[in-house]
Amino acid sequence: MTTLCPPRLIVVDDEEGVRETLADYLGQQGFDVRTAEDGRALDAHLVAGPADLIMLDVNMPGEDGFAIARRLRASSSVPIIMVTAAGDVIDRIVGLEIGADDYVAKPFDLRELHSRLRAVLRRLKRGSQSDVPNAGPVALADRVPSQREEGLIPFGKVMLDFPRYCLVASDGERQRLTLMEIELLRVFVENPHRVLSREHIFELAHGRAIEPFDRSIDIRITRLRRKIEIDPAKPEIIRTIRGVGYLFTPPETRA
């Protein structure tokens, strides 16, 4: 009988009470929880062993959550959930711009937090299955007609490598993608030539309904355009349909 390893979570928060509460509750929910009071403690944990998820508080003294997230994104695609102050829209926008995969606001409901964490893990698992023939993003890639080499999909100025969570430039340089960026690309590849509303995209990518006035999809698509479009100011692959949503046109099918 195979024993599944518990998901490895690191909670980074300068408040000891928050760390203890989350470690206790999420430990009971089957997570292997480590806690860190700052960026240095997080670095030490990552040296000792990898994490499947990092929950990162924004408002910490010294090196804040944004600075830590930037460091992580420079070398890692590990999913990051930012913890922001309630109603602080600017913090959410900045976190998403940096490359966070999701966010929760304090004070949060523990059951909702657990649901968010599990949703990220499901997306992570779906992505990891892409190394298996006819599963996950590799199978989805077959829906985009192209002449592929080693499973790479032409995407504007780069090639998309679904299994390895990265984009490959013409000179071979690789650029990491976050889990949420991969999920958005998966949604678009599954729905070519279809206009998708923000609400529909969010639901397909996150597995839950979008919150009122949530603009996270717009922010993430802007980030993606910078990475895949030849001219992000005049996108041709992921186009905005004003008042409706977005339209994905596979690169090799554009007129």
Protein backbone atom coordinates (compact mmCIF):
# COMPACT_ATOMS: atom_id res chain seq x y z
CA MET A 1 0.00 0.00 0.00
CA THR A 2 1.42 3.38 -1.04
CA THR A 3 1.66 6.07 1.62
CA LEU A 4 1.26 9.58 0.27
CA CYS A 5 3.62 12.19 1.64
CA PRO A 6 1.83 15.13 3.27
CA PRO A 7 2.08 18.44 1.40
CA ARG A 8 4.98 20.52 2.70
CA LEU A 9 3.94 24.02 3.74
CA ILE A 10 6.04 26.85 5.16
CA VAL A 11 4.16 29.62 6.98
CA VAL A 12 6.10 32.90 7.11
CA ASP A 13 4.67 35.40 9.60
CA ASP A 14 6.26 37.60 12.25
CA GLU A 15 3.36 37.00 14.67
CA GLU A 16 4.05 33.95 16.80
CA GLY A 17 0.38 33.44 17.60
CA VAL A 18 -0.52 33.28 13.90
CA ARG A 19 2.27 30.80 13.20
CA GLU A 20 1.20 28.55 16.07
CA THR A 21 -2.48 28.65 15.13
CA LEU A 22 -1.81 27.81 11.49
CA ALA A 23 0.71 25.10 12.32
CA ASP A 24 -1.75 23.46 14.70
CA TYR A 25 -4.82 23.69 12.47
CA LEU A 26 -3.18 22.84 9.15
CA GLY A 27 -1.17 20.07 10.77
CA GLN A 28 -4.48 18.50 11.77
CA GLN A 29 -5.62 18.81 8.14
CA GLY A 30 -2.73 16.69 6.91
CA PHE A 31 -0.07 19.28 6.10
CA ASP A 32 3.59 19.02 7.05
CA VAL A 33 3.91 22.55 8.44
CA ARG A 34 7.11 24.45 9.15
CA THR A 35 7.03 28.03 10.38
CA ALA A 36 9.37 30.98 9.91
CA GLU A 37 9.32 34.40 11.54
CA ASP A 38 11.23 36.12 8.70
CA GLY A 39 13.04 35.67 5.41
CA ARG A 40 16.21 34.30 6.99
CA ALA A 41 14.30 31.56 8.78
CA LEU A 42 12.51 30.74 5.52
CA ASP A 43 15.84 30.48 3.69
CA ALA A 44 17.11 28.07 6.34
CA HIS A 45 14.01 25.88 5.93
CA LEU A 46 14.42 25.80 2.15
CA VAL A 47 18.06 24.78 2.48
CA ALA A 48 16.98 21.94 4.78
CA GLY A 49 14.28 20.75 2.38
CA PRO A 50 11.93 21.94 -0.38
CA ALA A 51 8.38 23.18 0.09
CA ASP A 52 5.25 22.51 -1.94
CA LEU A 53 3.64 25.76 -0.80
CA ILE A 54 4.71 28.96 0.93
CA MET A 55 2.26 31.15 2.80
CA LEU A 56 3.83 34.60 3.07
CA ASP A 57 2.66 37.54 5.16
CA VAL A 58 3.10 40.92 3.46
CA ASN A 59 3.50 43.18 6.48
CA MET A 60 6.62 42.03 8.30
CA PRO A 61 9.40 44.20 9.76
CA GLY A 62 12.72 44.26 7.93
CA GLU A 63 12.45 42.28 4.72
CA ASP A 64 8.73 42.34 3.97
CA GLY A 65 6.71 39.73 2.14
CA PHE A 66 7.04 41.47 -1.23
CA ALA A 67 10.84 41.48 -1.05
CA ILE A 68 10.90 37.82 -0.05
CA ALA A 69 8.51 36.91 -2.88
CA ARG A 70 10.72 38.71 -5.41
CA ARG A 71 13.74 36.74 -4.21
CA LEU A 72 11.84 33.48 -4.45
CA ARG A 73 10.53 34.21 -7.93
CA ALA A 74 14.04 34.93 -9.20
CA SER A 75 14.93 31.27 -8.80
CA SER A 76 11.81 29.25 -8.01
CA SER A 77 8.26 28.56 -9.17
CA VAL A 78 7.10 27.29 -5.78
CA PRO A 79 3.47 28.37 -5.26
CA ILE A 80 3.14 31.44 -3.04
CA ILE A 81 0.02 32.57 -1.22
CA MET A 82 0.30 36.15 0.00
CA VAL A 83 -1.41 37.19 3.23
CA THR A 84 -2.61 40.78 3.02
CA ALA A 85 -4.53 43.18 5.25
CA ALA A 86 -8.29 43.11 4.82
CA GLY A 87 -9.42 45.42 2.03
CA ASP A 88 -5.87 46.34 0.97
CA VAL A 89 -6.28 46.17 -2.79
CA ILE A 90 -2.84 47.66 -3.50
CA ASP A 91 -1.10 44.85 -1.61
CA ARG A 92 -3.03 42.28 -3.61
CA ILE A 93 -2.11 43.93 -6.90
CA VAL A 94 1.57 44.18 -5.98
CA GLY A 95 1.65 40.56 -4.85
CA LEU A 96 0.12 39.35 -8.10
CA GLU A 97 2.50 41.53 -10.13
CA ILE A 98 5.42 39.89 -8.35
CA GLY A 99 4.05 36.46 -9.19
CA ALA A 100 2.01 35.25 -6.22
CA ASP A 101 -0.38 32.42 -7.06
CA ASP A 102 -3.17 33.49 -4.72
CA TYR A 103 -3.86 35.69 -1.72
CA VAL A 104 -5.90 35.67 1.48
CA ALA A 105 -6.78 38.62 3.68
CA LYS A 106 -6.46 38.83 7.46
CA PRO A 107 -8.43 37.98 9.46
CA PHE A 108 -9.11 34.82 7.46
CA ASP A 109 -11.41 31.90 8.09
CA LEU A 110 -9.32 28.78 8.67
CA ARG A 111 -11.65 26.59 6.64
CA GLU A 112 -11.51 28.97 3.69
CA LEU A 113 -7.72 29.08 3.96
CA HIS A 114 -7.60 25.29 3.96
CA SER A 115 -9.77 25.25 0.84
CA ARG A 116 -7.46 27.75 -0.91
CA LEU A 117 -4.38 25.70 -0.06
CA ARG A 118 -5.96 22.50 -1.33
CA ALA A 119 -7.00 24.23 -4.56
CA VAL A 120 -3.40 25.29 -5.20
CA LEU A 121 -2.21 21.75 -4.50
CA ARG A 122 -4.72 20.35 -6.99
CA ARG A 123 -3.38 22.70 -9.65
CA LEU A 124 0.16 21.70 -8.73
CA LYS A 125 -0.71 18.01 -9.02
CA ARG A 126 -2.39 18.55 -12.37
CA GLY A 127 0.73 20.30 -13.63
CA SER A 128 3.05 17.58 -12.36
CA GLN A 129 1.09 14.98 -14.33
CA SER A 130 2.20 16.67 -17.53
CA ASP A 131 5.25 14.39 -17.64
CA VAL A 132 2.90 11.46 -18.26
CA PRO A 133 1.88 10.85 -21.89
CA ASN A 134 -1.69 11.92 -22.69
CA ALA A 135 -2.15 13.61 -19.31
CA GLY A 136 -2.37 17.21 -18.21
CA PRO A 137 -0.89 20.05 -20.27
CA VAL A 138 0.96 17.77 -22.71
CA ALA A 139 -2.32 16.35 -23.95
CA LEU A 140 -3.80 19.84 -24.10
CA ALA A 141 -0.87 21.00 -26.18
CA ASP A 142 -1.91 18.57 -28.91
CA ARG A 143 -4.98 20.72 -29.50
CA VAL A 144 -2.80 23.52 -30.86
CA PRO A 145 -1.62 22.58 -34.35
CA SER A 146 2.12 23.10 -34.75
CA GLN A 147 5.35 21.39 -35.63
CA ARG A 148 6.67 20.57 -32.17
CA GLU A 149 10.07 19.56 -30.95
CA GLU A 150 10.25 17.88 -27.56
CA GLY A 151 6.74 19.02 -26.66
CA LEU A 152 7.43 22.74 -27.10
CA ILE A 153 4.56 24.93 -28.27
CA PRO A 154 5.21 28.14 -30.25
CA PHE A 155 3.89 31.14 -28.31
CA GLY A 156 4.72 34.43 -29.97
CA LYS A 157 8.36 35.26 -29.35
CA VAL A 158 8.98 32.14 -27.22
CA MET A 159 8.25 28.41 -27.00
CA LEU A 160 6.08 27.12 -24.18
CA ASP A 161 7.37 24.07 -22.30
CA PHE A 162 4.35 22.90 -20.31
CA PRO A 163 5.99 19.98 -18.48
CA ARG A 164 8.85 22.13 -17.17
CA TYR A 165 6.77 25.21 -16.26
CA CYS A 166 8.83 27.55 -18.40
CA LEU A 167 9.16 29.55 -21.61
CA VAL A 168 12.09 28.95 -23.94
CA ALA A 169 13.58 31.81 -25.97
CA SER A 170 15.14 31.39 -29.41
CA ASP A 171 18.62 31.38 -27.84
CA GLY A 172 17.61 28.57 -25.47
CA GLU A 173 17.25 30.76 -22.38
CA ARG A 174 14.48 29.55 -20.10
CA GLN A 175 12.10 31.76 -18.12
CA ARG A 176 10.16 30.27 -15.23
CA LEU A 177 6.39 30.45 -15.06
CA THR A 178 4.37 30.49 -11.87
CA LEU A 179 1.77 27.82 -11.23
CA MET A 180 -1.00 30.33 -11.86
CA GLU A 181 0.54 31.43 -15.16
CA ILE A 182 0.66 27.80 -16.27
CA GLU A 183 -2.97 27.38 -15.23
CA LEU A 184 -4.03 30.42 -17.24
CA LEU A 185 -2.21 29.14 -20.31
CA ARG A 186 -3.85 25.75 -19.81
CA VAL A 187 -7.28 27.41 -19.74
CA PHE A 188 -6.55 29.30 -22.96
CA VAL A 189 -5.07 26.26 -24.74
CA GLU A 190 -8.19 24.28 -23.83
CA ASN A 191 -10.41 27.02 -25.24
CA PRO A 192 -8.86 28.36 -28.46
CA HIS A 193 -10.84 30.90 -30.51
CA ARG A 194 -13.40 31.30 -27.71
CA VAL A 195 -14.11 34.56 -25.94
CA LEU A 196 -13.87 33.89 -22.20
CA SER A 197 -15.11 36.30 -19.56
CA ARG A 198 -12.91 37.15 -16.58
CA GLU A 199 -15.36 35.30 -14.36
CA HIS A 200 -15.16 32.14 -16.48
CA ILE A 201 -11.36 32.25 -16.70
CA PHE A 202 -11.06 32.70 -12.93
CA GLU A 203 -13.42 29.81 -12.23
CA LEU A 204 -11.61 27.48 -14.66
CA ALA A 205 -8.18 28.41 -13.27
CA HIS A 206 -9.00 28.62 -9.56
CA GLY A 207 -11.94 26.28 -9.23
CA ARG A 208 -14.04 28.87 -7.41
CA ALA A 209 -16.15 31.92 -8.19
CA ILE A 210 -14.46 35.28 -8.56
CA GLU A 211 -14.97 37.92 -5.87
CA PRO A 212 -16.62 41.24 -6.75
CA PHE A 213 -14.20 43.80 -8.24
CA ASP A 214 -11.38 41.22 -8.40
CA ARG A 215 -8.96 42.25 -11.18
CA SER A 216 -6.38 39.52 -10.61
CA ILE A 217 -7.02 37.94 -14.02
CA ASP A 218 -6.22 41.24 -15.76
CA ILE A 219 -2.98 41.58 -13.80
CA ARG A 220 -1.85 38.04 -14.58
CA ILE A 221 -2.68 38.33 -18.26
CA THR A 222 -0.67 41.55 -18.42
CA ARG A 223 2.29 39.63 -16.92
CA LEU A 224 1.84 36.82 -19.43
CA ARG A 225 1.72 39.20 -22.37
CA ARG A 226 5.08 40.66 -21.39
CA LYS A 227 6.51 37.16 -21.58
CA ILE A 228 4.88 35.75 -24.72
CA GLU A 229 3.76 38.58 -26.99
CA ILE A 230 6.13 40.08 -29.55
CA ASP A 231 4.58 43.47 -28.76
CA PRO A 232 2.74 43.37 -25.40
CA ALA A 233 1.14 46.75 -26.18
CA LYS A 234 -0.48 45.20 -29.27
CA PRO A 235 -1.22 41.62 -28.21
CA GLU A 236 -2.05 39.07 -30.90
CA ILE A 237 -2.13 35.82 -28.91
CA ILE A 238 -4.26 36.84 -25.91
CA ARG A 239 -6.48 39.69 -27.07
CA THR A 240 -8.84 41.82 -25.02
CA ILE A 241 -12.44 41.82 -26.21
CA ARG A 242 -13.69 45.05 -24.73
CA GLY A 243 -16.56 44.65 -22.31
CA VAL A 244 -16.52 40.85 -22.62
CA GLY A 245 -13.19 39.24 -21.73
CA TYR A 246 -10.27 37.64 -23.55
CA LEU A 247 -9.73 35.67 -26.76
CA PHE A 248 -6.87 33.22 -27.26
CA THR A 249 -5.67 32.74 -30.84
CA PRO A 250 -3.09 29.93 -31.18
CA PRO A 251 0.04 31.44 -32.77
CA GLU A 252 0.11 29.13 -35.78
CA THR A 253 -3.55 29.69 -36.67
CA ARG A 254 -3.43 33.47 -36.86
CA ALA A 255 -4.20 34.89 -40.27
